[in-house]
PDB file of all heavy atoms in Angstrom:
ATOM      1  N   GLU A   1      24.890 327.624 243.897  1.00  0.00           N
ATOM      2  CA  GLU A   1      23.440 327.596 243.527  1.00  0.00           C
ATOM      3  C   GLU A   1      22.816 328.932 243.741  1.00  0.00           C
ATOM      4  O   GLU A   1      21.968 329.394 242.949  1.00  0.00           O
ATOM      5  CB  GLU A   1      22.747 326.461 244.328  1.00  0.00           C
ATOM      6  CG  GLU A   1      23.035 325.033 243.920  1.00  0.00           C
ATOM      7  CD  GLU A   1      22.681 324.768 242.479  1.00  0.00           C
ATOM      8  OE1 GLU A   1      21.641 325.241 242.048  1.00  0.00           O
ATOM      9  OE2 GLU A   1      23.435 324.119 241.802  1.00  0.00           O
ATOM     10  N   ASP A   2      23.251 329.631 244.810  1.00  0.00           N
ATOM     11  CA  ASP A   2      22.702 330.937 245.104  1.00  0.00           C
ATOM     12  C   ASP A   2      23.140 331.936 244.056  1.00  0.00           C
ATOM     13  O   ASP A   2      22.320 332.735 243.658  1.00  0.00           O
ATOM     14  CB  ASP A   2      23.207 331.434 246.477  1.00  0.00           C
ATOM     15  CG  ASP A   2      22.490 330.720 247.623  1.00  0.00           C
ATOM     16  OD1 ASP A   2      21.464 330.023 247.391  1.00  0.00           O
ATOM     17  OD2 ASP A   2      23.022 330.704 248.734  1.00  0.00           O
ATOM     18  N   GLU A   3      24.389 331.910 243.585  1.00  0.00           N
ATOM     19  CA  GLU A   3      24.817 332.810 242.550  1.00  0.00           C
ATOM     20  C   GLU A   3      24.164 332.549 241.269  1.00  0.00           C
ATOM     21  O   GLU A   3      23.725 333.447 240.533  1.00  0.00           O
ATOM     22  CB  GLU A   3      26.405 332.620 242.322  1.00  0.00           C
ATOM     23  CG  GLU A   3      27.183 333.130 243.474  1.00  0.00           C
ATOM     24  CD  GLU A   3      28.676 332.773 243.395  1.00  0.00           C
ATOM     25  OE1 GLU A   3      29.007 331.645 242.854  1.00  0.00           O
ATOM     26  OE2 GLU A   3      29.477 333.524 243.851  1.00  0.00           O
ATOM     27  N   ALA A   4      23.927 331.246 240.947  1.00  0.00           N
ATOM     28  CA  ALA A   4      23.355 330.858 239.677  1.00  0.00           C
ATOM     29  C   ALA A   4      21.937 331.374 239.466  1.00  0.00           C
ATOM     30  O   ALA A   4      21.469 331.642 238.402  1.00  0.00           O
ATOM     31  CB  ALA A   4      23.437 329.351 239.490  1.00  0.00           C
ATOM     32  N   GLU A   5      21.167 331.524 240.621  1.00  0.00           N
ATOM     33  CA  GLU A   5      19.810 331.941 240.506  1.00  0.00           C
ATOM     34  C   GLU A   5      19.716 333.354 239.924  1.00  0.00           C
ATOM     35  O   GLU A   5      18.723 333.674 239.301  1.00  0.00           O
ATOM     36  CB  GLU A   5      19.232 331.934 241.975  1.00  0.00           C
ATOM     37  CG  GLU A   5      18.816 330.600 242.495  1.00  0.00           C
ATOM     38  CD  GLU A   5      18.160 330.647 243.806  1.00  0.00           C
ATOM     39  OE1 GLU A   5      17.885 331.780 244.275  1.00  0.00           O
ATOM     40  OE2 GLU A   5      17.935 329.584 244.405  1.00  0.00           O
ATOM     41  N   LYS A   6      20.790 334.189 240.083  1.00  0.00           N
ATOM     42  CA  LYS A   6      20.769 335.486 239.555  1.00  0.00           C
ATOM     43  C   LYS A   6      21.091 335.571 238.044  1.00  0.00           C
ATOM     44  O   LYS A   6      21.003 336.631 237.475  1.00  0.00           O
ATOM     45  CB  LYS A   6      21.812 336.384 240.322  1.00  0.00           C
ATOM     46  CG  LYS A   6      21.501 336.385 241.811  1.00  0.00           C
ATOM     47  CD  LYS A   6      22.618 337.199 242.511  1.00  0.00           C
ATOM     48  CE  LYS A   6      22.388 337.257 244.035  1.00  0.00           C
ATOM     49  NZ  LYS A   6      23.465 337.991 244.736  1.00  0.00           N
ATOM     50  N   GLY A   7      21.510 334.457 237.469  1.00  0.00           N
ATOM     51  CA  GLY A   7      21.951 334.380 236.082  1.00  0.00           C
ATOM     52  C   GLY A   7      23.344 335.090 235.885  1.00  0.00           C
ATOM     53  O   GLY A   7      24.038 335.387 236.799  1.00  0.00           O
ATOM     54  N   VAL A   8      23.686 335.211 234.603  1.00  0.00           N
ATOM     55  CA  VAL A   8      24.956 335.787 234.226  1.00  0.00           C
ATOM     56  C   VAL A   8      24.771 336.909 233.216  1.00  0.00           C
ATOM     57  O   VAL A   8      23.721 336.972 232.549  1.00  0.00           O
ATOM     58  CB  VAL A   8      25.914 334.756 233.658  1.00  0.00           C
ATOM     59  CG1 VAL A   8      26.402 333.773 234.705  1.00  0.00           C
ATOM     60  CG2 VAL A   8      25.231 333.920 232.503  1.00  0.00           C
ATOM     61  N   CYS A   9      25.787 337.740 233.125  1.00  0.00           N
ATOM     62  CA  CYS A   9      25.673 338.845 232.119  1.00  0.00           C
ATOM     63  C   CYS A   9      27.144 339.139 231.664  1.00  0.00           C
ATOM     64  O   CYS A   9      28.082 338.882 232.395  1.00  0.00           O
ATOM     65  CB  CYS A   9      24.985 340.117 232.681  1.00  0.00           C
ATOM     66  SG  CYS A   9      25.713 340.740 234.236  1.00  0.00           S
ATOM     67  N   THR A  10      27.197 339.734 230.505  1.00  0.00           N
ATOM     68  CA  THR A  10      28.548 340.102 230.021  1.00  0.00           C
ATOM     69  C   THR A  10      28.398 341.087 228.861  1.00  0.00           C
ATOM     70  O   THR A  10      27.320 341.449 228.420  1.00  0.00           O
ATOM     71  CB  THR A  10      29.299 338.859 229.468  1.00  0.00           C
ATOM     72  OG1 THR A  10      30.680 339.166 229.286  1.00  0.00           O
ATOM     73  CG2 THR A  10      28.691 338.361 228.146  1.00  0.00           C
ATOM     74  N   HIS A  11      29.565 341.579 228.369  1.00  0.00           N
ATOM     75  CA  HIS A  11      29.631 342.287 227.113  1.00  0.00           C
ATOM     76  C   HIS A  11      30.600 341.626 226.164  1.00  0.00           C
ATOM     77  O   HIS A  11      31.607 341.068 226.660  1.00  0.00           O
ATOM     78  CB  HIS A  11      30.085 343.795 227.347  1.00  0.00           C
ATOM     79  CG  HIS A  11      31.348 343.960 228.066  1.00  0.00           C
ATOM     80  ND1 HIS A  11      32.603 343.818 227.580  1.00  0.00           N
ATOM     81  CD2 HIS A  11      31.581 344.293 229.410  1.00  0.00           C
ATOM     82  CE1 HIS A  11      33.494 344.047 228.421  1.00  0.00           C
ATOM     83  NE2 HIS A  11      32.984 344.355 229.593  1.00  0.00           N
ATOM     84  N   SER A  12      30.321 341.592 224.942  1.00  0.00           N
ATOM     85  CA  SER A  12      31.103 340.811 223.969  1.00  0.00           C
ATOM     86  C   SER A  12      30.783 341.185 222.541  1.00  0.00           C
ATOM     87  O   SER A  12      29.643 341.570 222.156  1.00  0.00           O
ATOM     88  CB  SER A  12      30.803 339.291 224.200  1.00  0.00           C
ATOM     89  OG  SER A  12      31.264 338.503 223.110  1.00  0.00           O
ATOM     90  N   SER A  13      31.806 341.070 221.687  1.00  0.00           N
ATOM     91  CA  SER A  13      31.571 341.318 220.247  1.00  0.00           C
ATOM     92  C   SER A  13      30.962 340.137 219.589  1.00  0.00           C
ATOM     93  O   SER A  13      30.502 340.174 218.421  1.00  0.00           O
ATOM     94  CB  SER A  13      32.939 341.574 219.533  1.00  0.00           C
ATOM     95  OG  SER A  13      33.904 340.567 219.731  1.00  0.00           O
ATOM     96  N   GLY A  14      30.811 338.944 220.326  1.00  0.00           N
ATOM     97  CA  GLY A  14      30.158 337.847 219.685  1.00  0.00           C
ATOM     98  C   GLY A  14      30.340 336.515 220.286  1.00  0.00           C
ATOM     99  O   GLY A  14      29.469 335.913 220.911  1.00  0.00           O
ATOM    100  N   ASN A  15      31.575 335.939 220.203  1.00  0.00           N
ATOM    101  CA  ASN A  15      31.790 334.585 220.552  1.00  0.00           C
ATOM    102  C   ASN A  15      31.637 334.340 222.021  1.00  0.00           C
ATOM    103  O   ASN A  15      31.168 333.264 222.439  1.00  0.00           O
ATOM    104  CB  ASN A  15      33.139 334.034 220.047  1.00  0.00           C
ATOM    105  CG  ASN A  15      33.163 333.723 218.586  1.00  0.00           C
ATOM    106  OD1 ASN A  15      32.104 333.399 217.984  1.00  0.00           O
ATOM    107  ND2 ASN A  15      34.307 333.756 217.914  1.00  0.00           N
ATOM    108  N   HIS A  16      32.083 335.228 222.874  1.00  0.00           N
ATOM    109  CA  HIS A  16      31.809 335.091 224.330  1.00  0.00           C
ATOM    110  C   HIS A  16      30.373 335.142 224.701  1.00  0.00           C
ATOM    111  O   HIS A  16      29.872 334.463 225.472  1.00  0.00           O
ATOM    112  CB  HIS A  16      32.680 336.037 225.074  1.00  0.00           C
ATOM    113  CG  HIS A  16      32.480 336.018 226.586  1.00  0.00           C
ATOM    114  ND1 HIS A  16      32.886 334.847 227.346  1.00  0.00           N
ATOM    115  CD2 HIS A  16      31.870 336.836 227.475  1.00  0.00           C
ATOM    116  CE1 HIS A  16      32.558 335.028 228.585  1.00  0.00           C
ATOM    117  NE2 HIS A  16      31.918 336.202 228.765  1.00  0.00           N
ATOM    118  N   ALA A  17      29.638 336.056 223.954  1.00  0.00           N
ATOM    119  CA  ALA A  17      28.260 336.241 224.178  1.00  0.00           C
ATOM    120  C   ALA A  17      27.479 334.980 223.870  1.00  0.00           C
ATOM    121  O   ALA A  17      26.678 334.491 224.710  1.00  0.00           O
ATOM    122  CB  ALA A  17      27.696 337.448 223.339  1.00  0.00           C
ATOM    123  N   LEU A  18      27.779 334.384 222.772  1.00  0.00           N
ATOM    124  CA  LEU A  18      27.049 333.181 222.375  1.00  0.00           C
ATOM    125  C   LEU A  18      27.529 331.932 223.183  1.00  0.00           C
ATOM    126  O   LEU A  18      26.717 331.094 223.546  1.00  0.00           O
ATOM    127  CB  LEU A  18      27.126 332.978 220.924  1.00  0.00           C
ATOM    128  CG  LEU A  18      28.400 332.726 220.159  1.00  0.00           C
ATOM    129  CD1 LEU A  18      28.781 331.220 220.184  1.00  0.00           C
ATOM    130  CD2 LEU A  18      28.414 333.218 218.769  1.00  0.00           C
ATOM    131  N   SER A  19      28.781 331.972 223.587  1.00  0.00           N
ATOM    132  CA  SER A  19      29.266 330.883 224.432  1.00  0.00           C
ATOM    133  C   SER A  19      28.691 330.986 225.810  1.00  0.00           C
ATOM    134  O   SER A  19      28.331 329.892 226.420  1.00  0.00           O
ATOM    135  CB  SER A  19      30.816 330.945 224.529  1.00  0.00           C
ATOM    136  OG  SER A  19      31.354 330.682 223.203  1.00  0.00           O
ATOM    137  N   LEU A  20      28.587 332.106 226.371  1.00  0.00           N
ATOM    138  CA  LEU A  20      27.974 332.306 227.729  1.00  0.00           C
ATOM    139  C   LEU A  20      26.521 331.939 227.664  1.00  0.00           C
ATOM    140  O   LEU A  20      25.956 331.316 228.586  1.00  0.00           O
ATOM    141  CB  LEU A  20      28.187 333.712 228.232  1.00  0.00           C
ATOM    142  CG  LEU A  20      27.909 333.915 229.703  1.00  0.00           C
ATOM    143  CD1 LEU A  20      28.855 333.112 230.570  1.00  0.00           C
ATOM    144  CD2 LEU A  20      27.941 335.410 230.035  1.00  0.00           C
ATOM    145  N   SER A  21      25.807 332.346 226.511  1.00  0.00           N
ATOM    146  CA  SER A  21      24.435 332.002 226.398  1.00  0.00           C
ATOM    147  C   SER A  21      24.254 330.454 226.298  1.00  0.00           C
ATOM    148  O   SER A  21      23.258 329.894 226.891  1.00  0.00           O
ATOM    149  CB  SER A  21      23.848 332.625 225.125  1.00  0.00           C
ATOM    150  OG  SER A  21      23.914 334.060 225.230  1.00  0.00           O
ATOM    151  N   TYR A  22      25.100 329.794 225.624  1.00  0.00           N
ATOM    152  CA  TYR A  22      25.127 328.347 225.485  1.00  0.00           C
ATOM    153  C   TYR A  22      25.274 327.709 226.878  1.00  0.00           C
ATOM    154  O   TYR A  22      24.477 326.790 227.304  1.00  0.00           O
ATOM    155  CB  TYR A  22      26.248 327.857 224.608  1.00  0.00           C
ATOM    156  CG  TYR A  22      26.591 326.331 224.757  1.00  0.00           C
ATOM    157  CD1 TYR A  22      25.871 325.376 224.069  1.00  0.00           C
ATOM    158  CD2 TYR A  22      27.649 325.963 225.593  1.00  0.00           C
ATOM    159  CE1 TYR A  22      26.201 324.028 224.178  1.00  0.00           C
ATOM    160  CE2 TYR A  22      27.915 324.618 225.741  1.00  0.00           C
ATOM    161  CZ  TYR A  22      27.194 323.661 225.039  1.00  0.00           C
ATOM    162  OH  TYR A  22      27.542 322.304 225.164  1.00  0.00           O
ATOM    163  N   ALA A  23      26.287 328.150 227.635  1.00  0.00           N
ATOM    164  CA  ALA A  23      26.524 327.550 228.934  1.00  0.00           C
ATOM    165  C   ALA A  23      25.387 327.779 229.894  1.00  0.00           C
ATOM    166  O   ALA A  23      24.950 326.940 230.682  1.00  0.00           O
ATOM    167  CB  ALA A  23      27.911 328.069 229.505  1.00  0.00           C
ATOM    168  N   ALA A  24      24.896 329.090 229.882  1.00  0.00           N
ATOM    169  CA  ALA A  24      23.794 329.370 230.796  1.00  0.00           C
ATOM    170  C   ALA A  24      22.570 328.550 230.482  1.00  0.00           C
ATOM    171  O   ALA A  24      21.803 328.130 231.331  1.00  0.00           O
ATOM    172  CB  ALA A  24      23.490 330.915 230.677  1.00  0.00           C
TER     173      ALA A  24
END
């Protein structure tokens, strides 16, 4: 829960970016 409060970030050509956005 403490980690999640900070959110997530990444670099990606596309599919990981949209997948991480979906999960977040």
